[in-house]
């Protein structure tokens, strides 16, 4: 295992020690569990946004016929 060093306020270190004792585990194990839980529960921080996510705020804001892309009369002559 790799060793990682971090700094935290004394009050948080005290709470960590109490929580580890309560769960009968080490402080390191408790921190590993918390980090894994944080990473696994928040996929939005690691996943790229979808195309829909990028334009979601604009969805439904354009006025026009609802069959604009599919009715032949709307696309007649398009591209000429």
N, C-alpha and C. Protein backbone atom coordinates (compact mmCIF):
# COMPACT_ATOMS: atom_id res chain seq x y z
N UNK A 1 0.83 -1.18 0.00
CA UNK A 1 0.00 0.00 0.00
C UNK A 1 0.87 1.24 0.00
N UNK A 2 0.36 2.29 -0.62
CA UNK A 2 1.05 3.57 -0.64
C UNK A 2 0.66 4.38 0.59
N UNK A 3 1.62 5.09 1.14
CA UNK A 3 1.35 5.96 2.29
C UNK A 3 1.00 7.35 1.79
N UNK A 4 -0.07 7.90 2.31
CA UNK A 4 -0.49 9.26 1.98
C UNK A 4 -0.55 10.04 3.28
N UNK A 5 0.04 11.22 3.27
CA UNK A 5 0.03 12.07 4.45
C UNK A 5 -0.92 13.23 4.20
N UNK A 6 -1.71 13.56 5.20
CA UNK A 6 -2.60 14.71 5.07
C UNK A 6 -2.63 15.49 6.35
N UNK A 7 -3.03 16.74 6.22
CA UNK A 7 -3.16 17.62 7.38
C UNK A 7 -4.63 17.85 7.64
N UNK A 8 -4.99 17.87 8.92
CA UNK A 8 -6.37 18.16 9.31
C UNK A 8 -6.35 18.88 10.64
N UNK A 9 -7.40 19.63 10.91
CA UNK A 9 -7.47 20.31 12.21
C UNK A 9 -7.49 19.29 13.35
N UNK A 10 -6.97 19.69 14.49
CA UNK A 10 -6.91 18.79 15.64
C UNK A 10 -8.30 18.29 16.03
N UNK A 11 -9.29 19.16 15.92
CA UNK A 11 -10.66 18.75 16.29
C UNK A 11 -11.16 17.62 15.39
N UNK A 12 -10.81 17.67 14.10
CA UNK A 12 -11.21 16.60 13.17
C UNK A 12 -10.43 15.32 13.46
N UNK A 13 -9.16 15.45 13.79
CA UNK A 13 -8.34 14.29 14.14
C UNK A 13 -8.91 13.61 15.39
N UNK A 14 -9.38 14.41 16.35
CA UNK A 14 -9.98 13.85 17.56
C UNK A 14 -11.26 13.09 17.22
N UNK A 15 -12.09 13.69 16.38
CA UNK A 15 -13.34 13.03 15.98
C UNK A 15 -13.05 11.74 15.21
N UNK A 16 -12.01 11.76 14.37
CA UNK A 16 -11.62 10.58 13.62
C UNK A 16 -11.21 9.45 14.57
N UNK A 17 -10.43 9.79 15.58
CA UNK A 17 -9.99 8.79 16.56
C UNK A 17 -11.17 8.18 17.31
N UNK A 18 -12.10 9.02 17.72
CA UNK A 18 -13.29 8.54 18.43
C UNK A 18 -14.12 7.63 17.52
N UNK A 19 -14.32 8.04 16.26
CA UNK A 19 -15.11 7.25 15.32
C UNK A 19 -14.44 5.91 15.03
N UNK A 20 -13.12 5.90 14.92
CA UNK A 20 -12.39 4.66 14.66
C UNK A 20 -12.51 3.71 15.85
N UNK A 21 -12.39 4.24 17.06
CA UNK A 21 -12.55 3.40 18.26
C UNK A 21 -13.96 2.83 18.34
N UNK A 22 -14.93 3.67 18.06
CA UNK A 22 -16.33 3.25 18.12
C UNK A 22 -16.60 2.10 17.15
N UNK A 23 -15.98 2.15 15.98
CA UNK A 23 -16.17 1.12 14.95
C UNK A 23 -15.16 -0.02 15.06
N UNK A 24 -14.29 0.08 16.06
CA UNK A 24 -13.24 -0.92 16.30
C UNK A 24 -12.40 -1.16 15.04
N UNK A 25 -11.93 -0.08 14.47
CA UNK A 25 -11.08 -0.14 13.28
C UNK A 25 -9.98 0.91 13.41
N UNK A 26 -9.08 0.95 12.48
CA UNK A 26 -8.01 1.94 12.51
C UNK A 26 -8.46 3.24 11.85
N UNK A 27 -7.76 4.30 12.17
CA UNK A 27 -8.06 5.58 11.52
C UNK A 27 -7.82 5.48 10.02
N UNK A 28 -6.77 4.77 9.62
CA UNK A 28 -6.46 4.60 8.20
C UNK A 28 -7.60 3.89 7.47
N UNK A 29 -8.11 2.83 8.06
CA UNK A 29 -9.21 2.09 7.42
C UNK A 29 -10.46 2.95 7.31
N UNK A 30 -10.72 3.72 8.33
CA UNK A 30 -11.88 4.61 8.30
C UNK A 30 -11.74 5.66 7.20
N UNK A 31 -10.55 6.22 7.04
CA UNK A 31 -10.30 7.21 5.99
C UNK A 31 -10.42 6.55 4.61
N UNK A 32 -9.85 5.36 4.43
CA UNK A 32 -9.97 4.66 3.14
C UNK A 32 -11.43 4.42 2.78
N UNK A 33 -12.21 3.97 3.76
CA UNK A 33 -13.63 3.71 3.53
C UNK A 33 -14.36 5.00 3.14
N UNK A 34 -14.06 6.09 3.83
CA UNK A 34 -14.72 7.36 3.54
C UNK A 34 -14.37 7.88 2.15
N UNK A 35 -13.11 7.75 1.76
CA UNK A 35 -12.68 8.21 0.44
C UNK A 35 -13.35 7.38 -0.66
N UNK A 36 -13.36 6.07 -0.49
CA UNK A 36 -14.03 5.20 -1.47
C UNK A 36 -15.51 5.52 -1.59
N UNK A 37 -16.15 5.74 -0.46
CA UNK A 37 -17.58 6.07 -0.47
C UNK A 37 -17.81 7.40 -1.20
N UNK A 38 -16.98 8.38 -0.94
CA UNK A 38 -17.10 9.67 -1.60
C UNK A 38 -16.94 9.55 -3.11
N UNK A 39 -15.95 8.81 -3.53
CA UNK A 39 -15.68 8.65 -4.96
C UNK A 39 -16.80 7.87 -5.64
N UNK A 40 -17.25 6.78 -5.02
CA UNK A 40 -18.28 5.94 -5.62
C UNK A 40 -19.65 6.59 -5.66
N UNK A 41 -19.96 7.45 -4.70
CA UNK A 41 -21.29 8.06 -4.64
C UNK A 41 -21.43 9.30 -5.50
N UNK A 42 -20.36 9.81 -6.06
CA UNK A 42 -20.45 11.05 -6.83
C UNK A 42 -19.86 10.86 -8.22
N UNK A 43 -20.55 10.13 -9.09
CA UNK A 43 -20.02 9.90 -10.43
C UNK A 43 -19.95 11.15 -11.29
N UNK A 44 -20.70 12.17 -10.94
CA UNK A 44 -20.69 13.39 -11.74
C UNK A 44 -19.33 14.08 -11.72
N UNK A 45 -18.56 13.86 -10.70
CA UNK A 45 -17.24 14.48 -10.62
C UNK A 45 -16.22 13.77 -11.50
N UNK A 46 -16.48 12.50 -11.84
CA UNK A 46 -15.52 11.77 -12.64
C UNK A 46 -16.00 11.53 -14.07
N UNK A 47 -17.30 11.57 -14.29
CA UNK A 47 -17.85 11.29 -15.63
C UNK A 47 -17.96 12.57 -16.45
N UNK A 48 -17.76 12.44 -17.74
CA UNK A 48 -17.94 13.56 -18.65
C UNK A 48 -19.44 13.82 -18.83
N UNK A 49 -19.84 15.08 -18.98
CA UNK A 49 -21.26 15.36 -19.19
C UNK A 49 -21.72 14.87 -20.56
N UNK A 50 -22.96 14.44 -20.64
CA UNK A 50 -23.51 14.01 -21.92
C UNK A 50 -23.84 15.23 -22.77
N UNK A 51 -24.14 15.00 -24.03
CA UNK A 51 -24.53 16.11 -24.91
C UNK A 51 -25.79 16.77 -24.36
N UNK A 52 -26.71 15.97 -23.86
CA UNK A 52 -27.94 16.53 -23.28
C UNK A 52 -27.62 17.40 -22.07
N UNK A 53 -26.71 16.95 -21.20
CA UNK A 53 -26.34 17.75 -20.04
C UNK A 53 -25.83 19.13 -20.45
N UNK A 54 -25.12 19.20 -21.57
CA UNK A 54 -24.56 20.47 -22.03
C UNK A 54 -25.62 21.44 -22.55
N UNK A 55 -26.73 20.93 -23.07
CA UNK A 55 -27.76 21.81 -23.65
C UNK A 55 -29.10 21.72 -22.93
N UNK A 56 -29.14 21.08 -21.78
CA UNK A 56 -30.38 20.88 -21.04
C UNK A 56 -31.14 22.18 -20.80
N UNK A 57 -30.43 23.24 -20.47
CA UNK A 57 -31.10 24.51 -20.16
C UNK A 57 -31.81 25.10 -21.37
N UNK A 58 -31.44 24.68 -22.57
CA UNK A 58 -32.07 25.22 -23.78
C UNK A 58 -33.21 24.35 -24.30
N UNK A 59 -33.39 23.20 -23.71
CA UNK A 59 -34.43 22.27 -24.16
C UNK A 59 -35.81 22.93 -24.03
N UNK A 60 -36.55 22.94 -25.14
CA UNK A 60 -37.90 23.50 -25.13
C UNK A 60 -37.96 25.01 -25.28
N UNK A 61 -36.86 25.65 -25.61
CA UNK A 61 -36.86 27.10 -25.70
C UNK A 61 -37.03 27.63 -27.12
N UNK A 62 -37.00 26.75 -28.11
CA UNK A 62 -37.11 27.16 -29.50
C UNK A 62 -38.57 27.02 -29.95
N UNK A 63 -39.10 28.06 -30.56
CA UNK A 63 -40.47 28.00 -31.06
C UNK A 63 -40.46 27.61 -32.53
N UNK A 64 -41.46 26.87 -32.94
CA UNK A 64 -41.57 26.44 -34.32
C UNK A 64 -42.43 25.20 -34.40
N UNK A 65 -42.62 24.71 -35.61
CA UNK A 65 -43.45 23.52 -35.77
C UNK A 65 -42.80 22.31 -35.10
N UNK A 66 -43.63 21.47 -34.48
CA UNK A 66 -43.09 20.31 -33.76
C UNK A 66 -42.55 19.24 -34.71
N UNK A 67 -42.92 19.30 -36.00
CA UNK A 67 -42.45 18.30 -36.96
C UNK A 67 -41.39 18.89 -37.91
N UNK A 68 -40.66 19.88 -37.43
CA UNK A 68 -39.70 20.61 -38.25
C UNK A 68 -38.68 19.70 -38.93
N UNK A 69 -38.19 18.70 -38.25
CA UNK A 69 -37.14 17.87 -38.84
C UNK A 69 -37.66 16.67 -39.61
N UNK A 70 -38.96 16.42 -39.56
CA UNK A 70 -39.45 15.19 -40.19
C UNK A 70 -40.48 15.41 -41.31
N UNK A 71 -41.14 16.54 -41.35
CA UNK A 71 -42.17 16.75 -42.38
C UNK A 71 -41.52 17.26 -43.67
N UNK A 72 -41.81 16.61 -44.79
CA UNK A 72 -41.17 16.96 -46.07
C UNK A 72 -41.35 18.43 -46.47
N UNK A 73 -42.47 19.03 -46.13
CA UNK A 73 -42.67 20.44 -46.56
C UNK A 73 -41.69 21.38 -45.88
N UNK A 74 -41.18 21.02 -44.71
CA UNK A 74 -40.22 21.88 -43.99
C UNK A 74 -38.79 21.72 -44.53
N UNK A 75 -38.50 20.55 -45.10
CA UNK A 75 -37.13 20.31 -45.57
C UNK A 75 -37.00 20.35 -47.10
N UNK A 76 -38.07 20.74 -47.77
CA UNK A 76 -38.04 20.83 -49.21
C UNK A 76 -37.04 21.89 -49.64
N UNK A 77 -36.12 21.52 -50.52
CA UNK A 77 -35.12 22.46 -51.02
C UNK A 77 -33.93 22.66 -50.10
N UNK A 78 -33.92 21.99 -48.96
CA UNK A 78 -32.82 22.13 -48.02
C UNK A 78 -31.53 21.59 -48.64
N UNK A 79 -30.47 22.33 -48.56
CA UNK A 79 -29.17 21.89 -49.07
C UNK A 79 -28.92 22.22 -50.53
N UNK A 80 -29.84 22.90 -51.18
CA UNK A 80 -29.65 23.24 -52.60
C UNK A 80 -29.14 24.64 -52.74
